[in-house]
Amino acid sequence: MSAAGREYLNAMLDVLVYENVLVAWRRSPWRGYMILSHEGEEIRLTTRQAETWARGAFAVYLALVDQRRITPRIPGDTPRT
């Protein structure tokens, strides 16, 4: 994965943590990612798996926002009424 792709993935994971979809994430020394779920699961993923997982989680998050089932916490974003 390119440096730009890695930065994109890291930013996506940061947003998922900020929006309370995930508890935490970190890069693993073996060139992968460790994701901590709200259920307490530690999910070890390769970079490719983490990218796929994050895209899916982000798509679900955006769908819930679009359906107005959740309100985003992103600073400066105003809730739709």
N, C-alpha and C. Protein backbone atom coordinates (compact mmCIF):
# COMPACT_ATOMS: atom_id res chain seq x y z
N MET A 1 0.85 -1.17 0.00
CA MET A 1 0.00 0.00 0.00
C MET A 1 0.89 1.23 0.00
N SER A 2 0.52 2.21 -0.79
CA SER A 2 1.29 3.45 -0.86
C SER A 2 1.14 4.25 0.43
N ALA A 3 2.02 5.20 0.62
CA ALA A 3 1.94 6.05 1.81
C ALA A 3 0.63 6.84 1.83
N ALA A 4 0.19 7.30 0.67
CA ALA A 4 -1.07 8.03 0.61
C ALA A 4 -2.25 7.12 0.96
N GLY A 5 -2.23 5.89 0.50
CA GLY A 5 -3.28 4.94 0.82
C GLY A 5 -3.30 4.62 2.30
N ARG A 6 -2.11 4.50 2.89
CA ARG A 6 -2.00 4.23 4.33
C ARG A 6 -2.55 5.40 5.13
N GLU A 7 -2.23 6.62 4.71
CA GLU A 7 -2.74 7.82 5.39
C GLU A 7 -4.26 7.90 5.28
N TYR A 8 -4.81 7.54 4.12
CA TYR A 8 -6.25 7.53 3.91
C TYR A 8 -6.92 6.53 4.85
N LEU A 9 -6.34 5.33 4.94
CA LEU A 9 -6.87 4.30 5.83
C LEU A 9 -6.79 4.75 7.28
N ASN A 10 -5.66 5.31 7.69
CA ASN A 10 -5.51 5.80 9.06
C ASN A 10 -6.54 6.88 9.37
N ALA A 11 -6.76 7.79 8.44
CA ALA A 11 -7.74 8.86 8.64
C ALA A 11 -9.16 8.29 8.76
N MET A 12 -9.47 7.30 7.93
CA MET A 12 -10.79 6.68 7.98
C MET A 12 -11.00 5.99 9.34
N LEU A 13 -9.99 5.29 9.82
CA LEU A 13 -10.08 4.64 11.13
C LEU A 13 -10.19 5.68 12.25
N ASP A 14 -9.48 6.78 12.12
CA ASP A 14 -9.58 7.86 13.13
C ASP A 14 -11.01 8.40 13.20
N VAL A 15 -11.64 8.59 12.05
CA VAL A 15 -13.02 9.09 12.02
C VAL A 15 -13.95 8.06 12.67
N LEU A 16 -13.75 6.79 12.39
CA LEU A 16 -14.60 5.75 12.98
C LEU A 16 -14.45 5.71 14.51
N VAL A 17 -13.26 5.98 15.01
CA VAL A 17 -13.08 6.06 16.47
C VAL A 17 -13.75 7.32 16.99
N TYR A 18 -13.52 8.46 16.33
CA TYR A 18 -14.13 9.72 16.78
C TYR A 18 -15.65 9.63 16.80
N GLU A 19 -16.21 8.96 15.81
CA GLU A 19 -17.66 8.83 15.71
C GLU A 19 -18.20 7.67 16.56
N ASN A 20 -17.33 7.05 17.34
CA ASN A 20 -17.70 6.01 18.30
C ASN A 20 -18.17 4.71 17.64
N VAL A 21 -17.71 4.47 16.42
CA VAL A 21 -17.99 3.20 15.76
C VAL A 21 -17.01 2.14 16.28
N LEU A 22 -15.79 2.57 16.53
CA LEU A 22 -14.73 1.72 17.09
C LEU A 22 -14.28 2.29 18.43
N VAL A 23 -13.67 1.46 19.26
CA VAL A 23 -13.08 1.95 20.50
C VAL A 23 -11.68 2.50 20.21
N ALA A 24 -10.88 1.75 19.47
CA ALA A 24 -9.51 2.16 19.18
C ALA A 24 -8.95 1.33 18.03
N TRP A 25 -7.83 1.79 17.51
CA TRP A 25 -7.09 1.04 16.51
C TRP A 25 -5.62 1.41 16.64
N ARG A 26 -4.76 0.54 16.13
CA ARG A 26 -3.33 0.85 16.07
C ARG A 26 -2.68 -0.02 15.00
N ARG A 27 -1.56 0.46 14.52
CA ARG A 27 -0.79 -0.34 13.57
C ARG A 27 -0.04 -1.40 14.34
N SER A 28 0.04 -2.57 13.79
CA SER A 28 0.76 -3.67 14.43
C SER A 28 2.18 -3.75 13.86
N PRO A 29 3.10 -4.25 14.64
CA PRO A 29 4.48 -4.35 14.16
C PRO A 29 4.64 -5.29 12.97
N TRP A 30 3.70 -6.21 12.78
CA TRP A 30 3.80 -7.16 11.67
C TRP A 30 3.12 -6.65 10.41
N ARG A 31 3.05 -5.31 10.27
CA ARG A 31 2.51 -4.65 9.06
C ARG A 31 1.01 -4.87 8.90
N GLY A 32 0.31 -4.78 9.97
CA GLY A 32 -1.13 -4.91 9.93
C GLY A 32 -1.77 -3.92 10.89
N TYR A 33 -2.98 -4.21 11.26
CA TYR A 33 -3.73 -3.33 12.14
C TYR A 33 -4.40 -4.14 13.23
N MET A 34 -4.56 -3.53 14.38
CA MET A 34 -5.31 -4.09 15.50
C MET A 34 -6.47 -3.13 15.75
N ILE A 35 -7.69 -3.66 15.70
CA ILE A 35 -8.90 -2.86 15.91
C ILE A 35 -9.58 -3.39 17.16
N LEU A 36 -9.99 -2.49 18.03
CA LEU A 36 -10.68 -2.86 19.26
C LEU A 36 -12.15 -2.48 19.12
N SER A 37 -13.02 -3.48 19.22
CA SER A 37 -14.47 -3.26 19.07
C SER A 37 -15.08 -2.91 20.42
N HIS A 38 -16.32 -2.46 20.39
CA HIS A 38 -17.05 -2.14 21.63
C HIS A 38 -17.34 -3.39 22.45
N GLU A 39 -17.32 -4.54 21.83
CA GLU A 39 -17.53 -5.80 22.54
C GLU A 39 -16.27 -6.29 23.23
N GLY A 40 -15.17 -5.55 23.06
CA GLY A 40 -13.90 -5.93 23.67
C GLY A 40 -13.05 -6.84 22.81
N GLU A 41 -13.50 -7.10 21.59
CA GLU A 41 -12.73 -7.95 20.68
C GLU A 41 -11.54 -7.19 20.12
N GLU A 42 -10.40 -7.85 20.09
CA GLU A 42 -9.22 -7.33 19.42
C GLU A 42 -9.12 -8.04 18.08
N ILE A 43 -9.32 -7.29 17.03
CA ILE A 43 -9.36 -7.87 15.69
C ILE A 43 -8.03 -7.56 14.99
N ARG A 44 -7.26 -8.60 14.67
CA ARG A 44 -5.98 -8.45 13.97
C ARG A 44 -6.23 -8.61 12.48
N LEU A 45 -5.82 -7.60 11.72
CA LEU A 45 -6.05 -7.61 10.28
C LEU A 45 -4.78 -7.26 9.53
N THR A 46 -4.64 -7.82 8.35
CA THR A 46 -3.58 -7.36 7.46
C THR A 46 -3.99 -5.98 6.96
N THR A 47 -3.09 -5.30 6.33
CA THR A 47 -3.41 -3.97 5.80
C THR A 47 -4.55 -4.04 4.80
N ARG A 48 -4.53 -5.02 3.93
CA ARG A 48 -5.58 -5.18 2.92
C ARG A 48 -6.93 -5.48 3.60
N GLN A 49 -6.92 -6.36 4.60
CA GLN A 49 -8.16 -6.67 5.32
C GLN A 49 -8.68 -5.44 6.06
N ALA A 50 -7.78 -4.68 6.67
CA ALA A 50 -8.18 -3.48 7.41
C ALA A 50 -8.80 -2.45 6.46
N GLU A 51 -8.24 -2.33 5.28
CA GLU A 51 -8.79 -1.39 4.30
C GLU A 51 -10.21 -1.82 3.90
N THR A 52 -10.40 -3.08 3.62
CA THR A 52 -11.72 -3.58 3.26
C THR A 52 -12.71 -3.41 4.41
N TRP A 53 -12.28 -3.76 5.61
CA TRP A 53 -13.13 -3.66 6.79
C TRP A 53 -13.52 -2.21 7.04
N ALA A 54 -12.54 -1.30 6.98
CA ALA A 54 -12.80 0.12 7.25
C ALA A 54 -13.75 0.71 6.21
N ARG A 55 -13.57 0.36 4.95
CA ARG A 55 -14.48 0.86 3.91
C ARG A 55 -15.92 0.40 4.16
N GLY A 56 -16.07 -0.86 4.55
CA GLY A 56 -17.40 -1.38 4.86
C GLY A 56 -18.02 -0.70 6.06
N ALA A 57 -17.24 -0.56 7.13
CA ALA A 57 -17.74 0.10 8.34
C ALA A 57 -18.08 1.55 8.05
N PHE A 58 -17.26 2.21 7.25
CA PHE A 58 -17.51 3.61 6.92
C PHE A 58 -18.77 3.74 6.06
N ALA A 59 -18.98 2.80 5.14
CA ALA A 59 -20.18 2.82 4.31
C ALA A 59 -21.44 2.64 5.16
N VAL A 60 -21.38 1.75 6.13
CA VAL A 60 -22.53 1.55 7.03
C VAL A 60 -22.76 2.82 7.84
N TYR A 61 -21.70 3.40 8.37
CA TYR A 61 -21.80 4.65 9.13
C TYR A 61 -22.48 5.74 8.28
N LEU A 62 -22.00 5.93 7.06
CA LEU A 62 -22.58 6.97 6.20
C LEU A 62 -24.03 6.67 5.84
N ALA A 63 -24.38 5.40 5.66
CA ALA A 63 -25.77 5.03 5.38
C ALA A 63 -26.66 5.38 6.57
N LEU A 64 -26.19 5.13 7.78
CA LEU A 64 -26.98 5.47 8.97
C LEU A 64 -27.14 6.98 9.12
N VAL A 65 -26.12 7.73 8.76
CA VAL A 65 -26.22 9.19 8.78
C VAL A 65 -27.24 9.65 7.74
N ASP A 66 -27.14 9.10 6.53
CA ASP A 66 -28.08 9.47 5.46
C ASP A 66 -29.53 9.15 5.82
N GLN A 67 -29.73 8.06 6.54
CA GLN A 67 -31.08 7.67 6.96
C GLN A 67 -31.54 8.43 8.21
N ARG A 68 -30.66 9.31 8.71
CA ARG A 68 -30.93 10.10 9.91
C ARG A 68 -31.17 9.22 11.15
N ARG A 69 -30.58 8.05 11.15
CA ARG A 69 -30.69 7.16 12.31
C ARG A 69 -29.64 7.51 13.36
N ILE A 70 -28.54 8.16 12.91
CA ILE A 70 -27.55 8.69 13.83
C ILE A 70 -27.15 10.08 13.36
N THR A 71 -26.61 10.87 14.28
CA THR A 71 -26.15 12.22 13.97
C THR A 71 -24.63 12.24 14.08
N PRO A 72 -23.95 12.70 13.04
CA PRO A 72 -22.48 12.73 13.09
C PRO A 72 -21.99 13.73 14.14
N ARG A 73 -20.83 13.45 14.71
CA ARG A 73 -20.22 14.31 15.71
C ARG A 73 -19.13 15.18 15.11
N ILE A 74 -18.88 15.08 13.84
CA ILE A 74 -17.77 15.79 13.21
C ILE A 74 -17.88 17.28 13.51
N PRO A 75 -16.79 17.92 14.01
CA PRO A 75 -16.83 19.35 14.35
C PRO A 75 -17.23 20.20 13.16
N GLY A 76 -18.08 21.17 13.41
CA GLY A 76 -18.51 22.09 12.37
C GLY A 76 -19.67 21.57 11.54
N ASP A 77 -20.01 20.31 11.69
CA ASP A 77 -21.12 19.73 10.95
C ASP A 77 -22.39 20.03 11.72
N THR A 78 -23.38 20.53 11.04
CA THR A 78 -24.65 20.81 11.70
C THR A 78 -25.64 19.70 11.41
N PRO A 79 -26.37 19.26 12.42
CA PRO A 79 -27.35 18.20 12.19
C PRO A 79 -28.46 18.66 11.23
N ARG A 80 -28.89 17.72 10.39
CA ARG A 80 -29.98 18.04 9.45
C ARG A 80 -31.31 17.85 10.16
N THR A 81 -32.24 18.72 9.86
CA THR A 81 -33.58 18.59 10.46
C THR A 81 -34.62 18.37 9.41
